[in-house]
Amino acid sequence: MSTVTLSEVLAKGSGTWRSFTCPVHADANPSARVNVQTGKWVCMVCGAKGTTANHEVDVDWMLEQSLEGLNEEHGTKAESWLDQYDSGPVHPYWLSRFSEEVCRVFRLGWDTVRQQPCYPLRAHTGLPLGVVRRNVDDPDGPKYKYPRGANTSGLLFGVMEAQQTERLLLVEGAMDVVAVRECGHDAVGTYGSKLYSKQIDQIVALEPRVVYIAYDMDRAGRDGGFHAERDLQRAGIMAWRVEWNDRWKDLGEMDLRTRCNTLTNILA
């Protein structure tokens, strides 16, 4: 992939958060993100920081951190590897749930070999680790099947697609992230009801003004939301748990109109 400089995304990019090639480590995929409103940038891989005012790296941080081992991302695949799943028309399975536009944003695809819907599981660099397949055949089996050996405790779904992160929604599932985006808002998903320290670090790097924790309306979601609120506040982030009519367990279960109205009320 060609290099995308900070100057280029400042001049030609769109959105509040814009991705560019990190100038500190051997960045094979644009993994640094700049906030054009605050003028600050951070690399989601090696943690390097700087500002748009002078494009300089935070030297104090560099002296405190070791980059050894951060230049290689094991087990990732090229972005083009996902073409086998979504290069054609969006599959009707996904179109029955979401708009074509949002399906394209998150590269929701179809595994023609296994005949299953799938979506990318991405490393913190943004590169694919594989795909998560939706089980549509075995009602007694797990709902989603992750790539072998995948550890999601350090990953956030949707972090690379997020643009407006001043008010960020934190949800459990990947499809909840897609559902929120369809209503015009950004969210990141924790692949479950537990928020881990590495995920908190990524949220802190996005510098949200407030995080709304919209975990599932079940016991696990409520318990997880309580702990996530506490841990984010300890990390210096204003965080609030939000709830809605428990007729719907999660935002993804709502019809589009109800979902958008619910999010409007949450973010008001």
Protein backbone atom coordinates (compact mmCIF):
# COMPACT_ATOMS: atom_id res chain seq x y z
CA MET A 1 0.00 0.00 0.00
CA SER A 2 1.29 3.47 -0.88
CA THR A 3 2.25 5.93 1.82
CA VAL A 4 -0.43 8.40 2.92
CA THR A 5 1.17 11.39 4.62
CA LEU A 6 -0.28 13.59 7.33
CA SER A 7 -0.12 16.59 5.00
CA GLU A 8 -2.13 14.74 2.37
CA VAL A 9 -5.00 13.78 4.67
CA LEU A 10 -5.12 17.27 6.13
CA ALA A 11 -5.44 18.74 2.64
CA LYS A 12 -7.68 16.16 0.98
CA GLY A 13 -9.20 13.93 3.63
CA SER A 14 -12.70 14.05 5.07
CA GLY A 15 -14.12 13.59 8.55
CA THR A 16 -12.85 14.65 11.94
CA TRP A 17 -10.58 11.61 12.31
CA ARG A 18 -8.38 10.78 9.31
CA SER A 19 -5.96 7.88 8.84
CA PHE A 20 -2.41 8.24 7.53
CA THR A 21 0.85 6.30 7.48
CA CYS A 22 2.68 6.44 10.81
CA PRO A 23 6.04 8.21 10.39
CA VAL A 24 7.60 6.37 13.35
CA HIS A 25 7.39 2.66 12.60
CA ALA A 26 7.36 0.58 9.41
CA ASP A 27 3.67 1.10 8.77
CA ALA A 28 2.32 -1.23 6.08
CA ASN A 29 -1.22 0.11 6.51
CA PRO A 30 -2.24 3.67 7.51
CA SER A 31 -2.59 3.13 11.25
CA ALA A 32 -2.09 6.66 12.58
CA ARG A 33 -5.16 8.86 13.08
CA VAL A 34 -5.33 12.63 13.26
CA ASN A 35 -8.12 14.69 14.78
CA VAL A 36 -8.41 17.80 12.59
CA GLN A 37 -10.29 19.68 15.31
CA THR A 38 -7.73 19.25 18.10
CA GLY A 39 -4.69 19.03 15.82
CA LYS A 40 -3.42 15.93 17.64
CA TRP A 41 -2.51 12.59 16.08
CA VAL A 42 -1.77 9.16 17.50
CA CYS A 43 -0.66 5.85 16.01
CA MET A 44 -3.02 3.02 16.96
CA VAL A 45 -0.16 0.50 16.60
CA CYS A 46 2.96 1.88 18.24
CA GLY A 47 1.38 4.70 20.24
CA ALA A 48 3.50 7.52 18.79
CA LYS A 49 1.92 10.96 19.18
CA GLY A 50 2.29 14.39 17.65
CA THR A 51 0.47 17.50 16.48
CA THR A 52 -0.46 18.99 13.13
CA ALA A 53 1.20 22.26 14.10
CA ASN A 54 4.73 20.95 13.61
CA HIS A 55 4.21 17.31 12.52
CA GLU A 56 6.73 16.36 15.18
CA VAL A 57 6.74 13.18 17.20
CA ASP A 58 6.30 13.33 20.97
CA VAL A 59 9.95 12.71 21.89
CA ASP A 60 9.24 12.30 25.59
CA TRP A 61 6.87 9.46 24.83
CA MET A 62 9.42 7.85 22.51
CA LEU A 63 12.03 7.84 25.28
CA GLU A 64 9.63 6.07 27.61
CA GLN A 65 8.44 3.40 25.21
CA SER A 66 10.13 0.56 23.37
CA LEU A 67 9.01 -0.13 19.82
CA GLU A 68 10.66 -3.53 19.75
CA GLY A 69 8.29 -6.07 18.24
CA LEU A 70 5.71 -3.50 17.13
CA ASN A 71 6.85 -3.35 13.50
CA GLU A 72 5.56 -6.81 12.68
CA GLU A 73 1.92 -7.79 12.80
CA HIS A 74 1.71 -11.58 12.81
CA GLY A 75 -1.19 -13.36 11.20
CA THR A 76 -2.65 -10.42 9.30
CA LYS A 77 -3.66 -10.46 5.66
CA ALA A 78 -3.68 -7.87 2.90
CA GLU A 79 -6.84 -5.78 2.60
CA SER A 80 -7.37 -7.23 -0.88
CA TRP A 81 -7.76 -10.68 0.73
CA LEU A 82 -11.31 -9.63 1.67
CA ASP A 83 -12.24 -9.22 -2.01
CA GLN A 84 -13.13 -12.90 -2.20
CA TYR A 85 -16.04 -12.23 0.15
CA ASP A 86 -17.43 -8.85 -0.94
CA SER A 87 -16.20 -7.97 -4.43
CA GLY A 88 -19.60 -8.63 -6.01
CA PRO A 89 -23.06 -7.34 -5.09
CA VAL A 90 -23.89 -7.19 -1.40
CA HIS A 91 -25.52 -10.46 -0.42
CA PRO A 92 -29.30 -10.39 0.23
CA TYR A 93 -28.68 -11.63 3.77
CA TRP A 94 -27.00 -8.36 4.66
CA LEU A 95 -29.35 -6.20 2.60
CA SER A 96 -32.24 -7.63 4.61
CA ARG A 97 -30.66 -6.05 7.67
CA PHE A 98 -28.74 -2.96 6.56
CA SER A 99 -28.37 -0.50 3.72
CA GLU A 100 -25.95 -1.27 0.90
CA GLU A 101 -23.87 1.78 1.81
CA VAL A 102 -23.17 0.70 5.38
CA CYS A 103 -22.54 -2.90 4.24
CA ARG A 104 -19.82 -1.57 1.93
CA VAL A 105 -18.27 0.55 4.69
CA PHE A 106 -17.75 -2.47 6.95
CA ARG A 107 -17.14 -4.95 4.10
CA LEU A 108 -19.91 -7.32 5.09
CA GLY A 109 -19.47 -10.33 2.83
CA TRP A 110 -20.50 -13.86 1.94
CA ASP A 111 -18.40 -17.02 2.12
CA THR A 112 -19.38 -18.89 -1.05
CA VAL A 113 -17.59 -22.07 0.08
CA ARG A 114 -19.31 -22.40 3.44
CA GLN A 115 -22.43 -20.52 2.31
CA GLN A 116 -22.32 -18.24 5.34
CA PRO A 117 -22.41 -14.46 5.86
CA CYS A 118 -19.17 -13.04 7.22
CA TYR A 119 -17.44 -9.83 8.24
CA PRO A 120 -13.78 -8.88 8.82
CA LEU A 121 -12.00 -9.39 12.11
CA ARG A 122 -9.30 -6.72 12.13
CA ALA A 123 -6.11 -6.36 14.12
CA HIS A 124 -5.49 -3.10 15.95
CA THR A 125 -3.52 -2.03 12.85
CA GLY A 126 -6.68 -2.26 10.77
CA LEU A 127 -5.46 -5.21 8.71
CA PRO A 128 -7.69 -8.31 8.49
CA LEU A 129 -6.94 -11.27 10.73
CA GLY A 130 -9.64 -13.27 8.96
CA VAL A 131 -13.42 -13.24 8.86
CA VAL A 132 -16.07 -13.95 11.46
CA ARG A 133 -18.76 -16.22 10.02
CA ARG A 134 -22.41 -16.07 11.02
CA ASN A 135 -23.90 -19.46 11.81
CA VAL A 136 -27.20 -19.63 9.92
CA ASP A 137 -27.58 -23.42 9.77
CA ASP A 138 -27.14 -24.81 13.29
CA PRO A 139 -29.53 -23.23 15.82
CA ASP A 140 -27.81 -25.08 18.66
CA GLY A 141 -24.30 -24.01 17.69
CA PRO A 142 -22.46 -20.75 18.43
CA LYS A 143 -23.93 -17.70 16.73
CA TYR A 144 -20.57 -16.57 15.33
CA LYS A 145 -17.43 -18.51 14.50
CA TYR A 146 -14.15 -16.61 14.89
CA PRO A 147 -10.87 -17.40 13.12
CA ARG A 148 -8.88 -20.11 14.90
CA GLY A 149 -6.67 -18.67 17.63
CA ALA A 150 -8.26 -15.22 17.48
CA ASN A 151 -8.14 -13.23 20.71
CA THR A 152 -10.60 -10.34 20.69
CA SER A 153 -9.70 -8.93 24.13
CA GLY A 154 -7.38 -6.37 22.54
CA LEU A 155 -9.58 -5.54 19.55
CA LEU A 156 -12.40 -3.09 18.90
CA PHE A 157 -14.74 -3.51 15.98
CA GLY A 158 -15.33 -0.30 14.03
CA VAL A 159 -12.41 1.72 15.38
CA MET A 160 -10.89 2.26 11.93
CA GLU A 161 -14.23 3.28 10.43
CA ALA A 162 -15.11 5.79 13.15
CA GLN A 163 -15.02 9.43 12.05
CA GLN A 164 -16.89 11.53 14.61
CA THR A 165 -15.66 10.31 17.98
CA GLU A 166 -16.39 13.27 20.23
CA ARG A 167 -19.49 11.42 21.38
CA LEU A 168 -18.75 7.72 21.01
CA LEU A 169 -21.10 4.82 21.55
CA LEU A 170 -19.66 1.64 23.05
CA VAL A 171 -21.60 -1.52 22.19
CA GLU A 172 -21.08 -5.26 22.52
CA GLY A 173 -21.45 -6.70 19.05
CA ALA A 174 -20.04 -5.92 15.63
CA MET A 175 -23.51 -5.76 14.13
CA ASP A 176 -24.56 -3.26 16.79
CA VAL A 177 -21.74 -1.04 15.48
CA VAL A 178 -23.10 -1.38 11.94
CA ALA A 179 -26.63 -0.64 13.17
CA VAL A 180 -25.46 2.54 14.92
CA ARG A 181 -23.55 3.70 11.84
CA GLU A 182 -26.68 3.23 9.72
CA CYS A 183 -28.30 5.91 11.89
CA GLY A 184 -25.42 8.30 11.22
CA HIS A 185 -23.44 7.81 14.42
CA ASP A 186 -20.16 6.09 15.23
CA ALA A 187 -19.64 3.23 17.63
CA VAL A 188 -17.01 0.67 18.56
CA GLY A 189 -17.76 -2.86 19.69
CA THR A 190 -15.99 -4.94 22.33
CA TYR A 191 -16.97 -8.41 21.08
CA GLY A 192 -18.82 -9.10 24.30
CA SER A 193 -19.88 -7.50 27.56
CA LYS A 194 -16.40 -7.14 29.07
CA LEU A 195 -14.15 -4.15 28.38
CA TYR A 196 -10.43 -5.00 28.55
CA SER A 197 -7.50 -2.72 29.31
CA LYS A 198 -6.11 -2.80 25.76
CA GLN A 199 -9.52 -1.78 24.45
CA ILE A 200 -9.61 1.08 26.93
CA ASP A 201 -6.22 2.25 25.62
CA GLN A 202 -7.62 2.42 22.09
CA ILE A 203 -10.66 4.36 23.26
CA VAL A 204 -8.45 6.81 25.17
CA ALA A 205 -6.41 7.34 21.97
CA LEU A 206 -9.58 8.45 20.16
CA GLU A 207 -9.99 11.25 22.74
CA PRO A 208 -13.79 11.15 23.02
CA ARG A 209 -15.47 13.83 25.09
CA VAL A 210 -17.99 11.29 26.36
CA VAL A 211 -18.60 7.58 25.84
CA TYR A 212 -22.15 6.25 25.97
CA ILE A 213 -22.13 2.58 26.99
CA ALA A 214 -24.99 0.88 25.16
CA TYR A 215 -24.42 -2.74 26.11
CA ASP A 216 -27.17 -5.34 25.76
CA MET A 217 -30.27 -5.14 27.92
CA ASP A 218 -29.64 -8.41 29.72
CA ARG A 219 -27.89 -9.26 32.99
CA ALA A 220 -24.47 -9.70 31.38
CA GLY A 221 -24.82 -6.43 29.49
CA ARG A 222 -25.93 -4.48 32.55
CA ASP A 223 -23.11 -5.90 34.69
CA GLY A 224 -20.57 -5.31 31.93
CA GLY A 225 -21.83 -1.80 31.38
CA PHE A 226 -21.42 -0.98 35.06
CA HIS A 227 -17.80 -2.12 35.05
CA ALA A 228 -17.05 -0.44 31.71
CA GLU A 229 -18.42 2.86 33.05
CA ARG A 230 -16.24 2.58 36.13
CA ASP A 231 -13.09 1.61 34.24
CA LEU A 232 -13.46 4.33 31.60
CA GLN A 233 -13.98 6.96 34.27
CA ARG A 234 -10.86 5.73 36.05
CA ALA A 235 -9.03 6.20 32.74
CA GLY A 236 -10.14 9.85 32.69
CA ILE A 237 -13.02 9.50 30.23
CA MET A 238 -16.54 10.74 30.93
CA ALA A 239 -18.71 7.64 30.51
CA TRP A 240 -22.40 6.93 31.00
CA ARG A 241 -24.43 3.76 30.79
CA VAL A 242 -27.62 4.10 28.76
CA GLU A 243 -30.71 1.93 28.62
CA TRP A 244 -33.89 1.60 26.58
CA ASN A 245 -37.09 -0.43 26.54
CA ASP A 246 -35.96 -4.00 27.23
CA ARG A 247 -38.32 -5.24 24.55
CA TRP A 248 -35.14 -5.11 22.47
CA LYS A 249 -32.02 -6.74 23.86
CA ASP A 250 -29.66 -4.71 21.67
CA LEU A 251 -29.73 -1.87 19.17
CA GLY A 252 -29.32 -4.25 16.25
CA GLU A 253 -32.68 -5.90 16.99
CA MET A 254 -34.59 -2.64 16.51
CA ASP A 255 -36.14 -1.56 13.25
CA LEU A 256 -34.34 1.39 11.68
CA ARG A 257 -36.80 4.07 12.78
CA THR A 258 -36.93 2.89 16.40
CA ARG A 259 -33.16 2.56 16.51
CA CYS A 260 -32.53 6.06 15.16
CA ASN A 261 -35.08 7.59 17.53
CA THR A 262 -33.52 5.73 20.46
CA LEU A 263 -30.04 6.96 19.55
CA THR A 264 -31.32 10.51 19.14
CA ASN A 265 -32.71 10.39 22.66
CA ILE A 266 -29.50 8.87 24.03
CA LEU A 267 -27.29 11.52 22.45
CA ALA A 268 -29.58 14.49 23.12
